[in-house]
N, C-alpha and C. Protein backbone atom coordinates (compact mmCIF):
# COMPACT_ATOMS: atom_id res chain seq x y z
N MET A 1 0.83 -1.19 0.00
CA MET A 1 0.00 0.00 0.00
C MET A 1 0.88 1.26 0.00
N ILE A 2 1.97 1.23 0.74
CA ILE A 2 2.87 2.38 0.78
C ILE A 2 3.42 2.66 -0.62
N ASP A 3 3.77 1.59 -1.34
CA ASP A 3 4.27 1.76 -2.71
C ASP A 3 3.22 2.40 -3.61
N ALA A 4 1.98 1.95 -3.48
CA ALA A 4 0.90 2.51 -4.30
C ALA A 4 0.69 4.00 -3.99
N LEU A 5 0.73 4.35 -2.71
CA LEU A 5 0.56 5.75 -2.32
C LEU A 5 1.75 6.60 -2.78
N ARG A 6 2.95 6.04 -2.69
CA ARG A 6 4.15 6.75 -3.18
C ARG A 6 4.04 6.98 -4.68
N ASP A 7 3.62 5.93 -5.41
CA ASP A 7 3.47 6.06 -6.87
C ASP A 7 2.41 7.11 -7.21
N PHE A 8 1.30 7.10 -6.48
CA PHE A 8 0.25 8.09 -6.69
C PHE A 8 0.81 9.50 -6.48
N THR A 9 1.51 9.68 -5.36
CA THR A 9 2.05 10.99 -5.00
C THR A 9 3.10 11.45 -5.99
N SER A 10 4.03 10.58 -6.35
CA SER A 10 5.10 10.98 -7.27
C SER A 10 4.58 11.15 -8.69
N GLY A 11 3.41 10.57 -9.00
CA GLY A 11 2.80 10.72 -10.32
C GLY A 11 2.11 12.06 -10.53
N LEU A 12 1.92 12.80 -9.44
CA LEU A 12 1.30 14.12 -9.54
C LEU A 12 2.34 15.13 -10.02
N PRO A 13 1.89 16.23 -10.60
CA PRO A 13 2.85 17.29 -10.97
C PRO A 13 3.63 17.73 -9.72
N ASP A 14 4.87 18.12 -9.91
CA ASP A 14 5.75 18.48 -8.79
C ASP A 14 5.11 19.46 -7.81
N LEU A 15 4.42 20.45 -8.33
CA LEU A 15 3.83 21.46 -7.46
C LEU A 15 2.61 20.96 -6.68
N LEU A 16 2.09 19.78 -7.01
CA LEU A 16 0.92 19.24 -6.32
C LEU A 16 1.20 17.96 -5.54
N GLN A 17 2.43 17.54 -5.49
CA GLN A 17 2.74 16.29 -4.78
C GLN A 17 2.40 16.37 -3.30
N TRP A 18 2.51 17.54 -2.71
CA TRP A 18 2.16 17.68 -1.30
C TRP A 18 0.68 17.39 -1.07
N VAL A 19 -0.16 17.65 -2.09
CA VAL A 19 -1.60 17.33 -1.98
C VAL A 19 -1.78 15.82 -1.89
N GLY A 20 -0.98 15.08 -2.64
CA GLY A 20 -1.02 13.62 -2.55
C GLY A 20 -0.68 13.13 -1.16
N VAL A 21 0.28 13.78 -0.51
CA VAL A 21 0.66 13.41 0.86
C VAL A 21 -0.49 13.73 1.82
N ILE A 22 -1.12 14.87 1.64
CA ILE A 22 -2.27 15.23 2.49
C ILE A 22 -3.37 14.18 2.36
N LEU A 23 -3.69 13.82 1.11
CA LEU A 23 -4.75 12.82 0.88
C LEU A 23 -4.38 11.46 1.47
N ALA A 24 -3.14 11.05 1.28
CA ALA A 24 -2.70 9.75 1.82
C ALA A 24 -2.76 9.76 3.34
N SER A 25 -2.35 10.85 3.96
CA SER A 25 -2.29 10.93 5.42
C SER A 25 -3.66 11.01 6.06
N ALA A 26 -4.67 11.33 5.30
CA ALA A 26 -6.04 11.38 5.82
C ALA A 26 -6.64 9.98 5.94
N ILE A 27 -5.97 8.99 5.37
CA ILE A 27 -6.47 7.61 5.39
C ILE A 27 -6.11 6.97 6.72
N PRO A 28 -7.11 6.40 7.44
CA PRO A 28 -6.77 5.69 8.66
C PRO A 28 -5.74 4.59 8.40
N PHE A 29 -4.86 4.40 9.34
CA PHE A 29 -3.74 3.46 9.30
C PHE A 29 -2.56 3.98 8.47
N VAL A 30 -2.74 5.01 7.65
CA VAL A 30 -1.61 5.64 6.96
C VAL A 30 -1.12 6.77 7.86
N GLU A 31 -2.01 7.68 8.22
CA GLU A 31 -1.76 8.72 9.20
C GLU A 31 -0.54 9.59 8.85
N SER A 32 -0.10 10.37 9.82
CA SER A 32 1.04 11.26 9.60
C SER A 32 2.36 10.50 9.52
N TYR A 33 2.43 9.38 10.24
CA TYR A 33 3.72 8.68 10.27
C TYR A 33 4.03 8.02 8.93
N PHE A 34 3.11 7.30 8.33
CA PHE A 34 3.38 6.71 7.02
C PHE A 34 3.24 7.75 5.91
N GLY A 35 2.39 8.75 6.11
CA GLY A 35 2.24 9.82 5.12
C GLY A 35 3.54 10.58 4.92
N SER A 36 4.25 10.86 6.01
CA SER A 36 5.53 11.55 5.87
C SER A 36 6.55 10.68 5.14
N VAL A 37 6.51 9.38 5.41
CA VAL A 37 7.41 8.44 4.72
C VAL A 37 7.08 8.40 3.23
N VAL A 38 5.79 8.34 2.91
CA VAL A 38 5.36 8.33 1.51
C VAL A 38 5.89 9.57 0.78
N GLY A 39 5.73 10.73 1.39
CA GLY A 39 6.20 11.96 0.77
C GLY A 39 7.70 11.99 0.58
N ILE A 40 8.43 11.55 1.58
CA ILE A 40 9.89 11.55 1.49
C ILE A 40 10.36 10.56 0.43
N LEU A 41 9.74 9.38 0.40
CA LEU A 41 10.11 8.38 -0.62
C LEU A 41 9.74 8.85 -2.03
N ALA A 42 8.73 9.71 -2.12
CA ALA A 42 8.33 10.26 -3.42
C ALA A 42 9.26 11.39 -3.87
N GLY A 43 10.19 11.78 -3.00
CA GLY A 43 11.16 12.80 -3.37
C GLY A 43 10.80 14.21 -2.97
N ILE A 44 9.78 14.36 -2.14
CA ILE A 44 9.36 15.68 -1.67
C ILE A 44 10.33 16.12 -0.57
N ASN A 45 10.58 17.41 -0.49
CA ASN A 45 11.39 17.96 0.59
C ASN A 45 10.83 17.44 1.92
N PRO A 46 11.67 16.90 2.81
CA PRO A 46 11.18 16.32 4.07
C PRO A 46 10.32 17.25 4.91
N VAL A 47 10.66 18.52 4.98
CA VAL A 47 9.86 19.46 5.77
C VAL A 47 8.46 19.58 5.17
N VAL A 48 8.37 19.70 3.87
CA VAL A 48 7.07 19.81 3.19
C VAL A 48 6.29 18.50 3.35
N ALA A 49 6.96 17.36 3.20
CA ALA A 49 6.29 16.06 3.32
C ALA A 49 5.73 15.87 4.73
N ILE A 50 6.53 16.21 5.74
CA ILE A 50 6.07 16.05 7.13
C ILE A 50 4.91 16.98 7.43
N LEU A 51 5.02 18.25 7.02
CA LEU A 51 3.93 19.20 7.27
C LEU A 51 2.64 18.77 6.56
N ALA A 52 2.76 18.33 5.31
CA ALA A 52 1.58 17.88 4.56
C ALA A 52 0.96 16.66 5.23
N ALA A 53 1.79 15.74 5.71
CA ALA A 53 1.28 14.54 6.38
C ALA A 53 0.54 14.91 7.66
N ILE A 54 1.10 15.84 8.41
CA ILE A 54 0.45 16.27 9.65
C ILE A 54 -0.89 16.94 9.34
N VAL A 55 -0.91 17.82 8.35
CA VAL A 55 -2.16 18.51 7.99
C VAL A 55 -3.23 17.51 7.57
N GLY A 56 -2.88 16.56 6.71
CA GLY A 56 -3.86 15.57 6.26
C GLY A 56 -4.42 14.75 7.40
N ASN A 57 -3.56 14.33 8.31
CA ASN A 57 -4.00 13.51 9.44
C ASN A 57 -4.85 14.32 10.42
N VAL A 58 -4.44 15.57 10.69
CA VAL A 58 -5.20 16.42 11.62
C VAL A 58 -6.59 16.73 11.07
N VAL A 59 -6.67 17.06 9.80
CA VAL A 59 -7.98 17.37 9.20
C VAL A 59 -8.90 16.16 9.27
N SER A 60 -8.37 15.00 8.94
CA SER A 60 -9.15 13.77 9.01
C SER A 60 -9.61 13.49 10.43
N MET A 61 -8.70 13.63 11.41
CA MET A 61 -9.04 13.40 12.81
C MET A 61 -10.12 14.38 13.27
N LEU A 62 -10.02 15.65 12.86
CA LEU A 62 -11.03 16.65 13.24
C LEU A 62 -12.41 16.27 12.73
N ILE A 63 -12.48 15.77 11.52
CA ILE A 63 -13.77 15.34 10.97
C ILE A 63 -14.36 14.23 11.83
N PHE A 64 -13.53 13.26 12.22
CA PHE A 64 -14.01 12.16 13.06
C PHE A 64 -14.44 12.64 14.44
N VAL A 65 -13.65 13.51 15.06
CA VAL A 65 -13.98 14.00 16.41
C VAL A 65 -15.26 14.81 16.39
N LEU A 66 -15.37 15.73 15.45
CA LEU A 66 -16.57 16.58 15.41
C LEU A 66 -17.81 15.77 15.06
N SER A 67 -17.65 14.77 14.20
CA SER A 67 -18.77 13.89 13.87
C SER A 67 -19.19 13.06 15.08
N ALA A 68 -18.21 12.48 15.77
CA ALA A 68 -18.52 11.68 16.95
C ALA A 68 -19.17 12.52 18.03
N HIS A 69 -18.69 13.74 18.20
CA HIS A 69 -19.28 14.64 19.19
C HIS A 69 -20.74 14.95 18.85
N GLY A 70 -20.99 15.22 17.57
CA GLY A 70 -22.36 15.51 17.14
C GLY A 70 -23.28 14.32 17.32
N VAL A 71 -22.80 13.14 16.95
CA VAL A 71 -23.61 11.92 17.11
C VAL A 71 -23.87 11.65 18.58
N ARG A 72 -22.84 11.77 19.41
CA ARG A 72 -23.00 11.50 20.85
C ARG A 72 -24.01 12.46 21.46
N SER A 73 -23.94 13.72 21.06
CA SER A 73 -24.87 14.71 21.60
C SER A 73 -26.31 14.37 21.25
N LYS A 74 -26.54 13.91 20.02
CA LYS A 74 -27.91 13.57 19.59
C LYS A 74 -28.39 12.28 20.23
N VAL A 75 -27.52 11.27 20.30
CA VAL A 75 -27.90 9.95 20.82
C VAL A 75 -28.10 9.99 22.32
N ARG A 76 -27.26 10.72 23.02
CA ARG A 76 -27.31 10.75 24.48
C ARG A 76 -28.49 11.57 25.00
N GLY A 77 -29.25 12.19 24.18
CA GLY A 77 -30.36 13.04 24.59
C GLY A 77 -31.28 12.38 25.60
N GLY A 78 -30.79 12.00 26.78
CA GLY A 78 -31.60 11.44 27.84
C GLY A 78 -31.80 9.94 27.78
N LYS A 79 -31.17 9.26 26.86
CA LYS A 79 -31.33 7.82 26.73
C LYS A 79 -30.24 7.08 27.49
N GLU A 80 -30.56 5.84 27.87
CA GLU A 80 -29.56 4.98 28.51
C GLU A 80 -28.61 4.43 27.46
N ALA A 81 -27.38 4.23 27.87
CA ALA A 81 -26.37 3.69 26.96
C ALA A 81 -26.59 2.20 26.73
N LYS A 82 -26.31 1.76 25.50
CA LYS A 82 -26.40 0.33 25.17
C LYS A 82 -25.20 -0.40 25.76
N PRO A 83 -25.32 -1.70 25.98
CA PRO A 83 -24.16 -2.46 26.47
C PRO A 83 -23.02 -2.40 25.45
N GLU A 84 -21.79 -2.35 25.97
CA GLU A 84 -20.62 -2.24 25.10
C GLU A 84 -20.18 -3.59 24.56
N THR A 85 -19.65 -3.57 23.36
CA THR A 85 -19.04 -4.78 22.80
C THR A 85 -17.73 -5.02 23.54
N ALA A 86 -17.17 -6.22 23.38
CA ALA A 86 -15.91 -6.56 24.05
C ALA A 86 -14.78 -5.64 23.60
N ARG A 87 -14.73 -5.36 22.31
CA ARG A 87 -13.67 -4.49 21.78
C ARG A 87 -13.79 -3.08 22.34
N ARG A 88 -15.01 -2.57 22.37
CA ARG A 88 -15.24 -1.22 22.89
C ARG A 88 -14.95 -1.17 24.39
N ALA A 89 -15.28 -2.22 25.12
CA ALA A 89 -15.01 -2.27 26.55
C ALA A 89 -13.51 -2.24 26.81
N LYS A 90 -12.74 -2.93 25.97
CA LYS A 90 -11.28 -2.94 26.11
C LYS A 90 -10.71 -1.55 25.85
N LEU A 91 -11.24 -0.88 24.83
CA LEU A 91 -10.79 0.47 24.52
C LEU A 91 -11.14 1.43 25.66
N ARG A 92 -12.34 1.27 26.23
CA ARG A 92 -12.75 2.12 27.35
C ARG A 92 -11.86 1.87 28.56
N GLU A 93 -11.49 0.63 28.79
CA GLU A 93 -10.61 0.29 29.92
C GLU A 93 -9.27 1.02 29.77
N ARG A 94 -8.73 1.00 28.57
CA ARG A 94 -7.46 1.72 28.31
C ARG A 94 -7.65 3.22 28.47
N PHE A 95 -8.78 3.72 28.01
CA PHE A 95 -9.08 5.14 28.15
C PHE A 95 -9.14 5.52 29.62
N ASP A 96 -9.84 4.72 30.42
CA ASP A 96 -9.96 5.00 31.85
C ASP A 96 -8.60 4.93 32.54
N LYS A 97 -7.75 4.02 32.09
CA LYS A 97 -6.44 3.83 32.72
C LYS A 97 -5.45 4.93 32.34
N TYR A 98 -5.38 5.29 31.06
CA TYR A 98 -4.34 6.20 30.58
C TYR A 98 -4.82 7.63 30.33
N GLY A 99 -6.11 7.85 30.24
CA GLY A 99 -6.63 9.19 29.99
C GLY A 99 -6.46 9.62 28.54
N VAL A 100 -6.91 10.81 28.26
CA VAL A 100 -6.88 11.34 26.89
C VAL A 100 -5.45 11.45 26.39
N ALA A 101 -4.54 11.97 27.20
CA ALA A 101 -3.15 12.15 26.77
C ALA A 101 -2.49 10.81 26.47
N GLY A 102 -2.63 9.86 27.36
CA GLY A 102 -2.00 8.54 27.17
C GLY A 102 -2.54 7.81 25.96
N VAL A 103 -3.85 7.80 25.82
CA VAL A 103 -4.45 7.11 24.67
C VAL A 103 -4.05 7.81 23.37
N SER A 104 -4.00 9.13 23.39
CA SER A 104 -3.63 9.87 22.18
C SER A 104 -2.19 9.59 21.78
N LEU A 105 -1.28 9.61 22.75
CA LEU A 105 0.13 9.44 22.45
C LEU A 105 0.49 7.99 22.13
N LEU A 106 -0.14 7.04 22.82
CA LEU A 106 0.21 5.63 22.63
C LEU A 106 -0.78 4.87 21.74
N GLY A 107 -1.98 5.41 21.60
CA GLY A 107 -3.04 4.71 20.87
C GLY A 107 -2.72 4.44 19.42
N GLN A 108 -1.86 5.26 18.81
CA GLN A 108 -1.54 5.08 17.39
C GLN A 108 -0.73 3.82 17.14
N THR A 109 -0.25 3.19 18.21
CA THR A 109 0.46 1.92 18.02
C THR A 109 -0.54 0.79 17.79
N LEU A 110 -1.81 1.00 18.15
CA LEU A 110 -2.83 -0.03 18.01
C LEU A 110 -3.90 0.29 16.98
N LEU A 111 -4.39 1.53 17.03
CA LEU A 111 -5.50 1.95 16.17
C LEU A 111 -5.22 3.32 15.59
N PRO A 112 -5.84 3.65 14.46
CA PRO A 112 -5.65 4.98 13.88
C PRO A 112 -6.17 6.08 14.80
N SER A 113 -5.58 7.25 14.67
CA SER A 113 -5.99 8.39 15.48
C SER A 113 -7.47 8.72 15.28
N GLN A 114 -7.97 8.49 14.07
CA GLN A 114 -9.37 8.80 13.81
C GLN A 114 -10.30 7.94 14.67
N ILE A 115 -9.97 6.67 14.79
CA ILE A 115 -10.81 5.75 15.56
C ILE A 115 -10.68 6.03 17.05
N THR A 116 -9.43 6.17 17.54
CA THR A 116 -9.26 6.42 18.97
C THR A 116 -9.85 7.76 19.39
N SER A 117 -9.73 8.77 18.55
CA SER A 117 -10.28 10.08 18.91
C SER A 117 -11.80 10.04 18.96
N ALA A 118 -12.41 9.40 17.98
CA ALA A 118 -13.88 9.28 17.98
C ALA A 118 -14.35 8.47 19.18
N ALA A 119 -13.63 7.40 19.51
CA ALA A 119 -14.00 6.57 20.66
C ALA A 119 -13.90 7.37 21.96
N MET A 120 -12.84 8.15 22.12
CA MET A 120 -12.69 8.93 23.35
C MET A 120 -13.82 9.94 23.51
N VAL A 121 -14.19 10.59 22.41
CA VAL A 121 -15.29 11.55 22.49
C VAL A 121 -16.59 10.82 22.81
N SER A 122 -16.78 9.64 22.24
CA SER A 122 -18.00 8.89 22.52
C SER A 122 -18.05 8.40 23.97
N PHE A 123 -16.87 8.26 24.61
CA PHE A 123 -16.82 7.88 26.02
C PHE A 123 -17.09 9.07 26.93
N GLY A 124 -17.15 10.26 26.36
CA GLY A 124 -17.44 11.44 27.15
C GLY A 124 -16.26 12.36 27.38
N ALA A 125 -15.12 12.08 26.76
CA ALA A 125 -13.96 12.97 26.90
C ALA A 125 -14.26 14.31 26.23
N SER A 126 -13.65 15.34 26.75
CA SER A 126 -13.80 16.68 26.16
C SER A 126 -13.27 16.67 24.74
N LYS A 127 -14.09 17.13 23.80
CA LYS A 127 -13.64 17.14 22.41
C LYS A 127 -12.42 18.04 22.24
N ASN A 128 -12.34 19.13 23.01
CA ASN A 128 -11.18 20.02 22.90
C ASN A 128 -9.91 19.35 23.41
N ALA A 129 -10.02 18.58 24.49
CA ALA A 129 -8.85 17.86 25.02
C ALA A 129 -8.41 16.79 24.03
N VAL A 130 -9.36 16.10 23.44
CA VAL A 130 -9.04 15.07 22.45
C VAL A 130 -8.35 15.71 21.24
N ILE A 131 -8.89 16.81 20.75
CA ILE A 131 -8.28 17.49 19.60
C ILE A 131 -6.86 17.94 19.93
N LEU A 132 -6.67 18.53 21.10
CA LEU A 132 -5.33 19.00 21.50
C LEU A 132 -4.33 17.84 21.55
N TRP A 133 -4.66 16.79 22.30
CA TRP A 133 -3.72 15.68 22.50
C TRP A 133 -3.53 14.85 21.23
N GLN A 134 -4.56 14.71 20.43
CA GLN A 134 -4.39 13.99 19.16
C GLN A 134 -3.50 14.79 18.22
N THR A 135 -3.64 16.10 18.20
CA THR A 135 -2.79 16.93 17.35
C THR A 135 -1.34 16.83 17.79
N ILE A 136 -1.09 16.88 19.09
CA ILE A 136 0.27 16.72 19.61
C ILE A 136 0.82 15.36 19.20
N SER A 137 0.02 14.33 19.35
CA SER A 137 0.45 12.97 18.98
C SER A 137 0.75 12.85 17.49
N ILE A 138 -0.13 13.40 16.67
CA ILE A 138 0.06 13.35 15.22
C ILE A 138 1.35 14.05 14.82
N ILE A 139 1.63 15.18 15.46
CA ILE A 139 2.88 15.91 15.17
C ILE A 139 4.09 15.07 15.57
N ILE A 140 4.06 14.52 16.77
CA ILE A 140 5.20 13.73 17.26
C ILE A 140 5.46 12.53 16.35
N TRP A 141 4.40 11.77 16.04
CA TRP A 141 4.56 10.57 15.21
C TRP A 141 4.99 10.94 13.79
N GLY A 142 4.40 12.00 13.22
CA GLY A 142 4.76 12.41 11.86
C GLY A 142 6.19 12.88 11.76
N VAL A 143 6.63 13.70 12.72
CA VAL A 143 8.01 14.18 12.71
C VAL A 143 8.98 13.03 12.95
N GLY A 144 8.65 12.16 13.92
CA GLY A 144 9.53 11.03 14.23
C GLY A 144 9.76 10.13 13.03
N PHE A 145 8.69 9.71 12.39
CA PHE A 145 8.82 8.83 11.22
C PHE A 145 9.42 9.58 10.03
N GLY A 146 9.12 10.87 9.90
CA GLY A 146 9.71 11.66 8.83
C GLY A 146 11.22 11.78 8.98
N VAL A 147 11.68 12.00 10.20
CA VAL A 147 13.12 12.07 10.45
C VAL A 147 13.77 10.73 10.17
N LEU A 148 13.15 9.65 10.65
CA LEU A 148 13.70 8.31 10.38
C LEU A 148 13.76 8.03 8.88
N ALA A 149 12.71 8.39 8.16
CA ALA A 149 12.70 8.17 6.71
C ALA A 149 13.76 9.02 6.03
N THR A 150 13.93 10.25 6.48
CA THR A 150 14.95 11.12 5.90
C THR A 150 16.35 10.54 6.14
N LEU A 151 16.59 10.08 7.35
CA LEU A 151 17.89 9.48 7.65
C LEU A 151 18.09 8.20 6.86
N GLY A 152 17.01 7.42 6.72
CA GLY A 152 17.09 6.18 5.94
C GLY A 152 17.36 6.45 4.47
N VAL A 153 16.70 7.46 3.93
CA VAL A 153 16.91 7.81 2.53
C VAL A 153 18.32 8.36 2.35
N SER A 154 18.79 9.15 3.31
CA SER A 154 20.15 9.70 3.23
C SER A 154 21.20 8.60 3.28
N VAL A 155 21.00 7.61 4.14
CA VAL A 155 21.95 6.51 4.27
C VAL A 155 21.94 5.66 3.00
N LEU A 156 20.73 5.41 2.45
CA LEU A 156 20.61 4.58 1.26
C LEU A 156 20.99 5.33 -0.01
N GLY A 157 20.79 6.65 -0.02
CA GLY A 157 20.98 7.44 -1.23
C GLY A 157 22.40 7.79 -1.42
C-alpha cells in the first residue's frame, strides 16, 4: 500500500505532490507517520512532506472528532447507553487507565488516530482535550517517522 501511495504521490505534478501526501495521510492506518514516509520516498522535501502529512491527518481526525461529538450529543439526549461490545469495553478500559493524553500518544500503536479520537469523544472525553492531544500525537509521530525516513533515505541514497 505504501508503494501505491508513493506512486500516486510521485505521479502528480511536482507542485501538487504535497496534496497527494495530504490525501494519503487522511487515510486511517496511513496517518502522519506513514504519510511523511510516503512523501519523502516520493522525493518531496522532508519538511514539506512532514507538514503535509500532519495537515492531512489532523484534518481527518477533526472530521471524526466533530462527527462523533455531534452523534454523541444527539444519541445521548436522555437515553440509557447500550451495552458495550468486548472491543469497545477494552478500549474504554485503556481510556480509563491512561486518559486522553495517554491514549492519544500511545493509541496510534494499536488503532488509527481517527478511531481512537472518535471513541474517546463517545466515552465522554472533552472534544477540545481530544483534539489537542491527538494533534500533539500526530505531530510527534509524523516528525519522528519523517526524520527516520529522511535518515534512511540519506543513508541509502
